[in-house]
Amino acid sequence: MSATDIVTLTAERHGNTFFATIDDVDLATDLDTAWNDIHAAYLAHKVLCLKRQDLSAKQFHDLGERFGVIEPHTVTMYHHDEFPGITVLSNRTELGRPKGIRDAGSHWHSDYSYKAVPANVTMLYAIEVPEAGGDTMFIDLAAAYSALPDETKQRLDGLQAVHHYRHTKDRDHPEGRWKLLSEEQRRLTPEVTHPVVRTHPETGAKSIFVFPGLTSGVRRIVGMDPAESDDLLDMLFEHCTQACFQYRHKWSVGDLLLWDNRCTMHHATTNVLPADHFRTILRINTRGTAPA
């Protein structure tokens, strides 16, 4: 590991990956003085883990507000009782009902890419984690773009893709929009169009911005023959999901992970977590800017 000093904090990058850890901050007491350093490390590393935190829901919410407007999740039934901008992810059952979303995002995606204005940061705060399983995987989409051949970059220049929340060609899929969402939730998640390659509004770096996961729901590339569109998307998905662009995080209680949805995608693994391996995590997303 190599150390990179960010003013008063130290962000320790894991080998040649884009993932970094900060061990020397207590967000419950040091947020005001540490905020500039945390934000700089967030932009520099894309995925950041703040270790050994002990936060109330309000303190977690306050950190989220530093990144911008908190945007509650589309599915409202698992919002936090006191702070609806916080979503509860959990495979526990309380009083005969699920405590939270049991299996959130077990596929490659970037949060809220199905909205006209996708997410900036996602923050996950670990309350309870199993000894094994429940890891979260990440991909550096800026590195994936940089590794493309020049002719492919030229081909992607100016292309747009249609995203639709929980779109899938399999109409029997239990998490498809026609099965999972209410009529009101369907109305609030129409098709949107985003560039296939977006430019980061703060760093200027270019990243691939299409995702193979269900919540992303990438339907097609605008103006392209369906077969050609499918072939190009499949090529991009295969390229991006190579091991060389990935990092896998094993959770510890008190981990607070935050990542930049504008240049990464992520993949939960809770779909294969045994029912008696309990995992409870709080989640916040903030609104970013329209991709360009």
C-alpha atoms as a PDB file:
ATOM      1  CA  MET A   1       0.000   0.000   0.000  1.00  0.00           C
ATOM      2  CA  SER A   2       1.076   3.588  -0.609  1.00  0.00           C
ATOM      3  CA  ALA A   3       0.093   6.589   1.470  1.00  0.00           C
ATOM      4  CA  THR A   4      -1.194   9.850   0.067  1.00  0.00           C
ATOM      5  CA  ASP A   5      -1.441  12.750   2.497  1.00  0.00           C
ATOM      6  CA  ILE A   6      -4.618  14.799   2.129  1.00  0.00           C
ATOM      7  CA  VAL A   7      -3.751  17.813   4.311  1.00  0.00           C
ATOM      8  CA  THR A   8      -4.421  16.529   7.876  1.00  0.00           C
ATOM      9  CA  LEU A   9      -5.833  13.118   6.936  1.00  0.00           C
ATOM     10  CA  THR A  10      -4.096  10.164   5.322  1.00  0.00           C
ATOM     11  CA  ALA A  11      -5.881   8.294   2.542  1.00  0.00           C
ATOM     12  CA  GLU A  12      -4.177   4.938   2.081  1.00  0.00           C
ATOM     13  CA  ARG A  13      -4.717   3.546  -1.391  1.00  0.00           C
ATOM     14  CA  HIS A  14      -4.940  -0.232  -1.758  1.00  0.00           C
ATOM     15  CA  GLY A  15      -2.123  -1.192  -4.092  1.00  0.00           C
ATOM     16  CA  ASN A  16      -2.745  -0.122  -7.676  1.00  0.00           C
ATOM     17  CA  THR A  17      -6.513   0.126  -7.188  1.00  0.00           C
ATOM     18  CA  PHE A  18      -8.680   3.230  -6.976  1.00  0.00           C
ATOM     19  CA  PHE A  19      -9.947   2.311  -3.471  1.00  0.00           C
ATOM     20  CA  ALA A  20      -8.584   4.154  -0.419  1.00  0.00           C
ATOM     21  CA  THR A  21      -9.066   3.997   3.353  1.00  0.00           C
ATOM     22  CA  ILE A  22      -8.925   6.730   5.991  1.00  0.00           C
ATOM     23  CA  ASP A  23      -8.306   5.498   9.543  1.00  0.00           C
ATOM     24  CA  ASP A  24      -7.631   8.753  11.390  1.00  0.00           C
ATOM     25  CA  VAL A  25     -10.944  10.616  11.512  1.00  0.00           C
ATOM     26  CA  ASP A  26     -13.953  10.533  13.846  1.00  0.00           C
ATOM     27  CA  LEU A  27     -16.886  11.935  11.888  1.00  0.00           C
ATOM     28  CA  ALA A  28     -18.976  12.312  15.060  1.00  0.00           C
ATOM     29  CA  THR A  29     -16.646  15.064  16.275  1.00  0.00           C
ATOM     30  CA  ASP A  30     -14.361  16.078  13.386  1.00  0.00           C
ATOM     31  CA  LEU A  31     -16.661  16.586  10.398  1.00  0.00           C
ATOM     32  CA  ASP A  32     -16.287  20.361  10.238  1.00  0.00           C
ATOM     33  CA  THR A  33     -12.489  20.301  10.263  1.00  0.00           C
ATOM     34  CA  ALA A  34     -12.116  17.164   8.149  1.00  0.00           C
ATOM     35  CA  TRP A  35     -14.693  17.875   5.434  1.00  0.00           C
ATOM     36  CA  ASN A  36     -12.375  19.491   2.858  1.00  0.00           C
ATOM     37  CA  ASP A  37      -9.870  16.635   3.194  1.00  0.00           C
ATOM     38  CA  ILE A  38     -12.589  13.979   2.887  1.00  0.00           C
ATOM     39  CA  HIS A  39     -14.038  15.593  -0.228  1.00  0.00           C
ATOM     40  CA  ALA A  40     -10.595  15.878  -1.851  1.00  0.00           C
ATOM     41  CA  ALA A  41      -9.896  12.207  -1.114  1.00  0.00           C
ATOM     42  CA  TYR A  42     -13.308  11.246  -2.503  1.00  0.00           C
ATOM     43  CA  LEU A  43     -12.511  12.903  -5.830  1.00  0.00           C
ATOM     44  CA  ALA A  44      -8.964  11.539  -5.929  1.00  0.00           C
ATOM     45  CA  HIS A  45      -9.797   7.891  -5.200  1.00  0.00           C
ATOM     46  CA  LYS A  46     -13.442   7.460  -6.355  1.00  0.00           C
ATOM     47  CA  VAL A  47     -14.217   4.972  -3.544  1.00  0.00           C
ATOM     48  CA  LEU A  48     -13.311   5.843   0.044  1.00  0.00           C
ATOM     49  CA  CYS A  49     -13.743   3.899   3.302  1.00  0.00           C
ATOM     50  CA  LEU A  50     -13.775   5.766   6.620  1.00  0.00           C
ATOM     51  CA  LYS A  51     -13.047   3.134   9.254  1.00  0.00           C
ATOM     52  CA  ARG A  52     -14.410   2.635  12.784  1.00  0.00           C
ATOM     53  CA  GLN A  53     -17.184   5.241  12.754  1.00  0.00           C
ATOM     54  CA  ASP A  54     -19.852   5.439  15.481  1.00  0.00           C
ATOM     55  CA  LEU A  55     -22.617   7.691  14.198  1.00  0.00           C
ATOM     56  CA  SER A  56     -26.226   8.458  14.957  1.00  0.00           C
ATOM     57  CA  ALA A  57     -28.667   8.561  12.041  1.00  0.00           C
ATOM     58  CA  LYS A  58     -28.584  12.373  12.273  1.00  0.00           C
ATOM     59  CA  GLN A  59     -24.783  12.495  12.074  1.00  0.00           C
ATOM     60  CA  PHE A  60     -24.843  10.182   9.063  1.00  0.00           C
ATOM     61  CA  HIS A  61     -27.512  12.393   7.473  1.00  0.00           C
ATOM     62  CA  ASP A  62     -25.448  15.523   8.193  1.00  0.00           C
ATOM     63  CA  LEU A  63     -22.480  14.034   6.321  1.00  0.00           C
ATOM     64  CA  GLY A  64     -24.724  13.272   3.356  1.00  0.00           C
ATOM     65  CA  GLU A  65     -25.906  16.890   3.214  1.00  0.00           C
ATOM     66  CA  ARG A  66     -22.303  18.042   2.797  1.00  0.00           C
ATOM     67  CA  PHE A  67     -22.318  16.388  -0.644  1.00  0.00           C
ATOM     68  CA  GLY A  68     -25.548  18.064  -1.767  1.00  0.00           C
ATOM     69  CA  VAL A  69     -29.277  17.467  -1.785  1.00  0.00           C
ATOM     70  CA  ILE A  70     -30.144  14.047  -0.341  1.00  0.00           C
ATOM     71  CA  GLU A  71     -32.502  12.170  -2.646  1.00  0.00           C
ATOM     72  CA  PRO A  72     -34.640   9.438  -1.059  1.00  0.00           C
ATOM     73  CA  HIS A  73     -34.843   6.076  -2.775  1.00  0.00           C
ATOM     74  CA  THR A  74     -37.663   5.449  -5.259  1.00  0.00           C
ATOM     75  CA  VAL A  75     -39.004   2.511  -3.209  1.00  0.00           C
ATOM     76  CA  THR A  76     -40.287   4.247  -0.058  1.00  0.00           C
ATOM     77  CA  MET A  77     -41.228   1.379   2.249  1.00  0.00           C
ATOM     78  CA  TYR A  78     -37.692   1.007   3.630  1.00  0.00           C
ATOM     79  CA  HIS A  79     -36.985   4.652   4.376  1.00  0.00           C
ATOM     80  CA  HIS A  80     -35.604   5.376   7.847  1.00  0.00           C
ATOM     81  CA  ASP A  81     -38.378   6.314  10.306  1.00  0.00           C
ATOM     82  CA  GLU A  82     -36.807   9.642  11.263  1.00  0.00           C
ATOM     83  CA  PHE A  83     -34.815  10.542   8.147  1.00  0.00           C
ATOM     84  CA  PRO A  84     -36.535   9.479   4.902  1.00  0.00           C
ATOM     85  CA  GLY A  85     -33.370  10.318   2.967  1.00  0.00           C
ATOM     86  CA  ILE A  86     -31.775   7.288   4.624  1.00  0.00           C
ATOM     87  CA  THR A  87     -32.681   3.846   3.258  1.00  0.00           C
ATOM     88  CA  VAL A  88     -32.297   0.742   5.415  1.00  0.00           C
ATOM     89  CA  LEU A  89     -30.652  -2.286   3.787  1.00  0.00           C
ATOM     90  CA  SER A  90     -31.106  -5.422   5.875  1.00  0.00           C
ATOM     91  CA  ASN A  91     -31.939  -9.107   5.691  1.00  0.00           C
ATOM     92  CA  ARG A  92     -33.357  -9.132   9.221  1.00  0.00           C
ATOM     93  CA  THR A  93     -37.055  -9.409  10.033  1.00  0.00           C
ATOM     94  CA  GLU A  94     -38.652  -7.331  12.803  1.00  0.00           C
ATOM     95  CA  LEU A  95     -42.240  -7.635  14.017  1.00  0.00           C
ATOM     96  CA  GLY A  96     -43.024  -9.971  11.163  1.00  0.00           C
ATOM     97  CA  ARG A  97     -41.838  -7.683   8.361  1.00  0.00           C
ATOM     98  CA  PRO A  98     -38.475  -7.096   6.640  1.00  0.00           C
ATOM     99  CA  LYS A  99     -36.340  -4.516   8.436  1.00  0.00           C
ATOM    100  CA  GLY A 100     -34.937  -3.232   5.166  1.00  0.00           C
ATOM    101  CA  ILE A 101     -34.230  -4.035   1.529  1.00  0.00           C
ATOM    102  CA  ARG A 102     -32.797  -7.548   1.665  1.00  0.00           C
ATOM    103  CA  ASP A 103     -31.060  -7.694  -1.701  1.00  0.00           C
ATOM    104  CA  ALA A 104     -30.209  -4.250  -3.031  1.00  0.00           C
ATOM    105  CA  GLY A 105     -28.237  -3.939  -6.226  1.00  0.00           C
ATOM    106  CA  SER A 106     -26.783  -7.419  -6.758  1.00  0.00           C
ATOM    107  CA  HIS A 107     -25.773  -6.450 -10.302  1.00  0.00           C
ATOM    108  CA  TRP A 108     -23.467  -3.861 -11.858  1.00  0.00           C
ATOM    109  CA  HIS A 109     -25.004  -0.382 -11.774  1.00  0.00           C
ATOM    110  CA  SER A 110     -24.526   3.285 -10.912  1.00  0.00           C
ATOM    111  CA  ASP A 111     -27.109   4.711  -8.535  1.00  0.00           C
ATOM    112  CA  TYR A 112     -29.995   6.676 -10.006  1.00  0.00           C
ATOM    113  CA  SER A 113     -28.628   6.443 -13.550  1.00  0.00           C
ATOM    114  CA  TYR A 114     -32.265   5.888 -14.533  1.00  0.00           C
ATOM    115  CA  LYS A 115     -33.059   9.480 -13.484  1.00  0.00           C
ATOM    116  CA  ALA A 116     -32.553  12.631 -15.537  1.00  0.00           C
ATOM    117  CA  VAL A 117     -30.152  13.772 -12.801  1.00  0.00           C
ATOM    118  CA  PRO A 118     -28.293  10.709 -11.421  1.00  0.00           C
ATOM    119  CA  ALA A 119     -26.558  10.391  -8.057  1.00  0.00           C
ATOM    120  CA  ASN A 120     -23.349  12.069  -7.014  1.00  0.00           C
ATOM    121  CA  VAL A 121     -22.279  10.227  -3.856  1.00  0.00           C
ATOM    122  CA  THR A 122     -23.588   7.013  -2.359  1.00  0.00           C
ATOM    123  CA  MET A 123     -22.783   6.473   1.313  1.00  0.00           C
ATOM    124  CA  LEU A 124     -23.208   3.149   3.131  1.00  0.00           C
ATOM    125  CA  TYR A 125     -22.732   2.889   6.899  1.00  0.00           C
ATOM    126  CA  ALA A 126     -22.333  -0.621   8.325  1.00  0.00           C
ATOM    127  CA  ILE A 127     -24.321  -1.307  11.506  1.00  0.00           C
ATOM    128  CA  GLU A 128     -24.132  -5.106  11.360  1.00  0.00           C
ATOM    129  CA  VAL A 129     -22.116  -7.372   9.059  1.00  0.00           C
ATOM    130  CA  PRO A 130     -21.610 -11.157   8.828  1.00  0.00           C
ATOM    131  CA  GLU A 131     -18.242 -12.814   9.365  1.00  0.00           C
ATOM    132  CA  ALA A 132     -18.287 -13.866   5.716  1.00  0.00           C
ATOM    133  CA  GLY A 133     -20.257 -12.717   2.688  1.00  0.00           C
ATOM    134  CA  GLY A 134     -22.124  -9.554   1.837  1.00  0.00           C
ATOM    135  CA  ASP A 135     -19.115  -7.911   0.143  1.00  0.00           C
ATOM    136  CA  THR A 136     -19.511  -4.953  -2.228  1.00  0.00           C
ATOM    137  CA  MET A 137     -17.623  -4.791  -5.536  1.00  0.00           C
ATOM    138  CA  PHE A 138     -16.593  -1.684  -7.475  1.00  0.00           C
ATOM    139  CA  ILE A 139     -15.369  -0.837 -10.972  1.00  0.00           C
ATOM    140  CA  ASP A 140     -13.374   2.227 -12.026  1.00  0.00           C
ATOM    141  CA  LEU A 141     -15.156   3.385 -15.187  1.00  0.00           C
ATOM    142  CA  ALA A 142     -12.694   6.201 -15.821  1.00  0.00           C
ATOM    143  CA  ALA A 143      -9.876   3.658 -16.025  1.00  0.00           C
ATOM    144  CA  ALA A 144     -12.050   1.454 -18.230  1.00  0.00           C
ATOM    145  CA  TYR A 145     -12.602   4.354 -20.641  1.00  0.00           C
ATOM    146  CA  SER A 146      -8.912   5.274 -20.690  1.00  0.00           C
ATOM    147  CA  ALA A 147      -8.038   1.677 -21.628  1.00  0.00           C
ATOM    148  CA  LEU A 148     -10.264   1.653 -24.725  1.00  0.00           C
ATOM    149  CA  PRO A 149      -8.586   1.809 -28.149  1.00  0.00           C
ATOM    150  CA  ASP A 150      -8.677   5.257 -29.745  1.00  0.00           C
ATOM    151  CA  GLU A 151     -10.953   4.055 -32.536  1.00  0.00           C
ATOM    152  CA  THR A 152     -13.508   2.835 -29.981  1.00  0.00           C
ATOM    153  CA  LYS A 153     -13.369   6.161 -28.131  1.00  0.00           C
ATOM    154  CA  GLN A 154     -14.065   7.915 -31.435  1.00  0.00           C
ATOM    155  CA  ARG A 155     -16.986   5.576 -32.122  1.00  0.00           C
ATOM    156  CA  LEU A 156     -18.525   6.336 -28.707  1.00  0.00           C
ATOM    157  CA  ASP A 157     -18.116  10.104 -29.033  1.00  0.00           C
ATOM    158  CA  GLY A 158     -21.541  11.751 -29.032  1.00  0.00           C
ATOM    159  CA  LEU A 159     -23.561   8.531 -28.591  1.00  0.00           C
ATOM    160  CA  GLN A 160     -26.583   8.552 -26.273  1.00  0.00           C
ATOM    161  CA  ALA A 161     -28.244   5.640 -24.462  1.00  0.00           C
ATOM    162  CA  VAL A 162     -31.791   5.223 -23.145  1.00  0.00           C
ATOM    163  CA  HIS A 163     -32.066   4.216 -19.473  1.00  0.00           C
ATOM    164  CA  HIS A 164     -35.275   2.993 -17.828  1.00  0.00           C
ATOM    165  CA  TYR A 165     -35.536   1.977 -14.157  1.00  0.00           C
ATOM    166  CA  ARG A 166     -35.769  -1.813 -13.760  1.00  0.00           C
ATOM    167  CA  HIS A 167     -36.227  -2.367 -17.472  1.00  0.00           C
ATOM    168  CA  THR A 168     -35.584  -5.954 -18.524  1.00  0.00           C
ATOM    169  CA  LYS A 169     -36.603  -7.932 -21.574  1.00  0.00           C
ATOM    170  CA  ASP A 170     -37.658 -10.737 -19.222  1.00  0.00           C
ATOM    171  CA  ARG A 171     -41.216  -9.783 -18.289  1.00  0.00           C
ATOM    172  CA  ASP A 172     -41.317 -12.640 -15.760  1.00  0.00           C
ATOM    173  CA  HIS A 173     -38.404 -11.211 -13.773  1.00  0.00           C
ATOM    174  CA  PRO A 174     -39.648 -10.601 -10.191  1.00  0.00           C
ATOM    175  CA  GLU A 175     -37.801  -7.278  -9.966  1.00  0.00           C
ATOM    176  CA  GLY A 176     -38.970  -5.923 -13.345  1.00  0.00           C
ATOM    177  CA  ARG A 177     -40.685  -2.547 -13.182  1.00  0.00           C
ATOM    178  CA  TRP A 178     -44.067  -4.005 -14.096  1.00  0.00           C
ATOM    179  CA  LYS A 179     -43.894  -6.352 -11.089  1.00  0.00           C
ATOM    180  CA  LEU A 180     -42.021  -4.328  -8.453  1.00  0.00           C
ATOM    181  CA  LEU A 181     -43.286  -0.753  -8.842  1.00  0.00           C
ATOM    182  CA  SER A 182     -46.623   0.837  -8.078  1.00  0.00           C
ATOM    183  CA  GLU A 183     -48.371   2.872 -10.753  1.00  0.00           C
ATOM    184  CA  GLU A 184     -47.167   6.073  -9.112  1.00  0.00           C
ATOM    185  CA  GLN A 185     -43.564   4.811  -8.974  1.00  0.00           C
ATOM    186  CA  ARG A 186     -43.766   3.843 -12.653  1.00  0.00           C
ATOM    187  CA  ARG A 187     -45.000   7.336 -13.476  1.00  0.00           C
ATOM    188  CA  LEU A 188     -42.074   8.866 -11.618  1.00  0.00           C
ATOM    189  CA  THR A 189     -39.462   6.774 -13.473  1.00  0.00           C
ATOM    190  CA  PRO A 190     -39.885   7.420 -17.211  1.00  0.00           C
ATOM    191  CA  GLU A 191     -37.201   6.735 -19.798  1.00  0.00           C
ATOM    192  CA  VAL A 192     -34.207   9.100 -19.725  1.00  0.00           C
ATOM    193  CA  THR A 193     -31.309   9.593 -22.129  1.00  0.00           C
ATOM    194  CA  HIS A 194     -27.658   9.984 -21.103  1.00  0.00           C
ATOM    195  CA  PRO A 195     -24.347  10.092 -22.976  1.00  0.00           C
ATOM    196  CA  VAL A 196     -22.575   6.752 -23.313  1.00  0.00           C
ATOM    197  CA  VAL A 197     -19.427   8.563 -22.162  1.00  0.00           C
ATOM    198  CA  ARG A 198     -19.778  11.343 -19.593  1.00  0.00           C
ATOM    199  CA  THR A 199     -17.311  13.982 -18.415  1.00  0.00           C
ATOM    200  CA  HIS A 200     -16.877  14.363 -14.661  1.00  0.00           C
ATOM    201  CA  PRO A 201     -18.077  17.864 -13.680  1.00  0.00           C
ATOM    202  CA  GLU A 202     -15.366  18.328 -11.030  1.00  0.00           C
ATOM    203  CA  THR A 203     -12.312  16.467 -12.335  1.00  0.00           C
ATOM    204  CA  GLY A 204     -12.881  16.616 -16.107  1.00  0.00           C
ATOM    205  CA  ALA A 205     -12.159  12.884 -16.458  1.00  0.00           C
ATOM    206  CA  LYS A 206     -14.180  10.867 -18.995  1.00  0.00           C
ATOM    207  CA  SER A 207     -15.969   7.671 -17.957  1.00  0.00           C
ATOM    208  CA  ILE A 208     -18.137   5.031 -19.588  1.00  0.00           C
ATOM    209  CA  PHE A 209     -21.733   5.580 -18.423  1.00  0.00           C
ATOM    210  CA  VAL A 210     -23.711   2.473 -19.392  1.00  0.00           C
ATOM    211  CA  PHE A 211     -24.283  -0.442 -17.034  1.00  0.00           C
ATOM    212  CA  PRO A 212     -25.420  -4.056 -17.415  1.00  0.00           C
ATOM    213  CA  GLY A 213     -27.504  -4.153 -14.212  1.00  0.00           C
ATOM    214  CA  LEU A 214     -31.257  -4.299 -13.773  1.00  0.00           C
ATOM    215  CA  THR A 215     -31.804  -0.989 -11.964  1.00  0.00           C
ATOM    216  CA  SER A 216     -29.773   0.809 -14.637  1.00  0.00           C
ATOM    217  CA  GLY A 217     -32.085  -0.578 -17.322  1.00  0.00           C
ATOM    218  CA  VAL A 218     -30.073   0.474 -20.383  1.00  0.00           C
ATOM    219  CA  ARG A 219     -32.502  -0.246 -23.217  1.00  0.00           C
ATOM    220  CA  ARG A 220     -30.622   0.821 -26.354  1.00  0.00           C
ATOM    221  CA  ILE A 221     -28.254   3.292 -27.975  1.00  0.00           C
ATOM    222  CA  VAL A 222     -30.154   6.082 -29.670  1.00  0.00           C
ATOM    223  CA  GLY A 223     -30.319   5.950 -33.469  1.00  0.00           C
ATOM    224  CA  MET A 224     -28.594   2.590 -33.751  1.00  0.00           C
ATOM    225  CA  ASP A 225     -29.927  -0.652 -35.224  1.00  0.00           C
ATOM    226  CA  PRO A 226     -31.040  -2.896 -32.308  1.00  0.00           C
ATOM    227  CA  ALA A 227     -28.566  -5.666 -33.105  1.00  0.00           C
ATOM    228  CA  GLU A 228     -25.694  -3.200 -33.464  1.00  0.00           C
ATOM    229  CA  SER A 229     -26.739  -1.486 -30.239  1.00  0.00           C
ATOM    230  CA  ASP A 230     -26.802  -4.779 -28.355  1.00  0.00           C
ATOM    231  CA  ASP A 231     -23.394  -5.777 -29.733  1.00  0.00           C
ATOM    232  CA  LEU A 232     -21.807  -2.464 -28.755  1.00  0.00           C
ATOM    233  CA  LEU A 233     -23.311  -2.512 -25.259  1.00  0.00           C
ATOM    234  CA  ASP A 234     -22.245  -6.122 -24.718  1.00  0.00           C
ATOM    235  CA  MET A 235     -18.702  -5.239 -25.783  1.00  0.00           C
ATOM    236  CA  LEU A 236     -18.608  -2.323 -23.328  1.00  0.00           C
ATOM    237  CA  PHE A 237     -19.993  -4.437 -20.490  1.00  0.00           C
ATOM    238  CA  GLU A 238     -17.434  -7.170 -21.116  1.00  0.00           C
ATOM    239  CA  HIS A 239     -14.637  -4.598 -21.251  1.00  0.00           C
ATOM    240  CA  CYS A 240     -15.663  -2.763 -18.077  1.00  0.00           C
ATOM    241  CA  THR A 241     -16.135  -5.854 -15.942  1.00  0.00           C
ATOM    242  CA  GLN A 242     -12.589  -7.128 -16.395  1.00  0.00           C
ATOM    243  CA  ALA A 243     -10.853  -7.947 -13.123  1.00  0.00           C
ATOM    244  CA  CYS A 244      -8.211  -5.283 -13.689  1.00  0.00           C
ATOM    245  CA  PHE A 245     -10.797  -2.528 -13.132  1.00  0.00           C
ATOM    246  CA  GLN A 246     -12.387  -4.085 -10.020  1.00  0.00           C
ATOM    247  CA  TYR A 247     -12.039  -3.855  -6.253  1.00  0.00           C
ATOM    248  CA  ARG A 248     -13.949  -5.979  -3.701  1.00  0.00           C
ATOM    249  CA  HIS A 249     -14.611  -4.632  -0.219  1.00  0.00           C
ATOM    250  CA  LYS A 250     -15.110  -6.890   2.818  1.00  0.00           C
ATOM    251  CA  TRP A 251     -17.182  -5.036   5.392  1.00  0.00           C
ATOM    252  CA  SER A 252     -16.440  -4.383   9.074  1.00  0.00           C
ATOM    253  CA  VAL A 253     -18.852  -2.847  11.570  1.00  0.00           C
ATOM    254  CA  GLY A 254     -18.371   0.930  11.575  1.00  0.00           C
ATOM    255  CA  ASP A 255     -17.181   1.123   7.966  1.00  0.00           C
ATOM    256  CA  LEU A 256     -18.560   4.151   6.165  1.00  0.00           C
ATOM    257  CA  LEU A 257     -18.105   3.730   2.428  1.00  0.00           C
ATOM    258  CA  LEU A 258     -18.664   6.579   0.016  1.00  0.00           C
ATOM    259  CA  TRP A 259     -18.214   6.444  -3.727  1.00  0.00           C
ATOM    260  CA  ASP A 260     -18.596   8.595  -6.805  1.00  0.00           C
ATOM    261  CA  ASN A 261     -21.385   7.312  -9.062  1.00  0.00           C
ATOM    262  CA  ARG A 262     -20.208   9.627 -11.846  1.00  0.00           C
ATOM    263  CA  CYS A 263     -17.144   7.478 -12.564  1.00  0.00           C
ATOM    264  CA  THR A 264     -17.761   4.078 -10.944  1.00  0.00           C
ATOM    265  CA  MET A 265     -20.271   1.256 -10.847  1.00  0.00           C
ATOM    266  CA  HIS A 266     -20.846  -1.213  -8.033  1.00  0.00           C
ATOM    267  CA  HIS A 267     -22.291  -4.637  -7.327  1.00  0.00           C
ATOM    268  CA  ALA A 268     -23.683  -5.999  -4.050  1.00  0.00           C
ATOM    269  CA  THR A 269     -23.442  -9.717  -3.293  1.00  0.00           C
ATOM    270  CA  THR A 270     -26.327 -10.028  -0.838  1.00  0.00           C
ATOM    271  CA  ASN A 271     -28.265 -12.209  -3.277  1.00  0.00           C
ATOM    272  CA  VAL A 272     -26.005 -15.111  -2.230  1.00  0.00           C
ATOM    273  CA  LEU A 273     -25.820 -14.217   1.486  1.00  0.00           C
ATOM    274  CA  PRO A 274     -27.224 -17.055   3.669  1.00  0.00           C
ATOM    275  CA  ALA A 275     -30.390 -16.108   5.541  1.00  0.00           C
ATOM    276  CA  ASP A 276     -28.688 -16.513   8.936  1.00  0.00           C
ATOM    277  CA  HIS A 277     -25.785 -14.203   8.022  1.00  0.00           C
ATOM    278  CA  PHE A 278     -27.182 -10.833   9.077  1.00  0.00           C
ATOM    279  CA  ARG A 279     -26.245  -7.563   7.413  1.00  0.00           C
ATOM    280  CA  THR A 280     -27.750  -4.152   8.252  1.00  0.00           C
ATOM    281  CA  ILE A 281     -26.481  -1.035   6.512  1.00  0.00           C
ATOM    282  CA  LEU A 282     -27.760   2.538   6.195  1.00  0.00           C
ATOM    283  CA  ARG A 283     -27.661   4.191   2.783  1.00  0.00           C
ATOM    284  CA  ILE A 284     -27.757   7.781   1.494  1.00  0.00           C
ATOM    285  CA  ASN A 285     -27.646   9.106  -2.065  1.00  0.00           C
ATOM    286  CA  THR A 286     -27.205  12.728  -3.077  1.00  0.00           C
ATOM    287  CA  ARG A 287     -28.300  14.334  -6.336  1.00  0.00           C
ATOM    288  CA  GLY A 288     -25.553  15.059  -8.841  1.00  0.00           C
ATOM    289  CA  THR A 289     -25.801  16.920 -12.124  1.00  0.00           C
ATOM    290  CA  ALA A 290     -27.162  15.947 -15.534  1.00  0.00           C
ATOM    291  CA  PRO A 291     -24.455  13.937 -17.358  1.00  0.00           C
ATOM    292  CA  ALA A 292     -22.643  15.710 -20.178  1.00  0.00           C
END
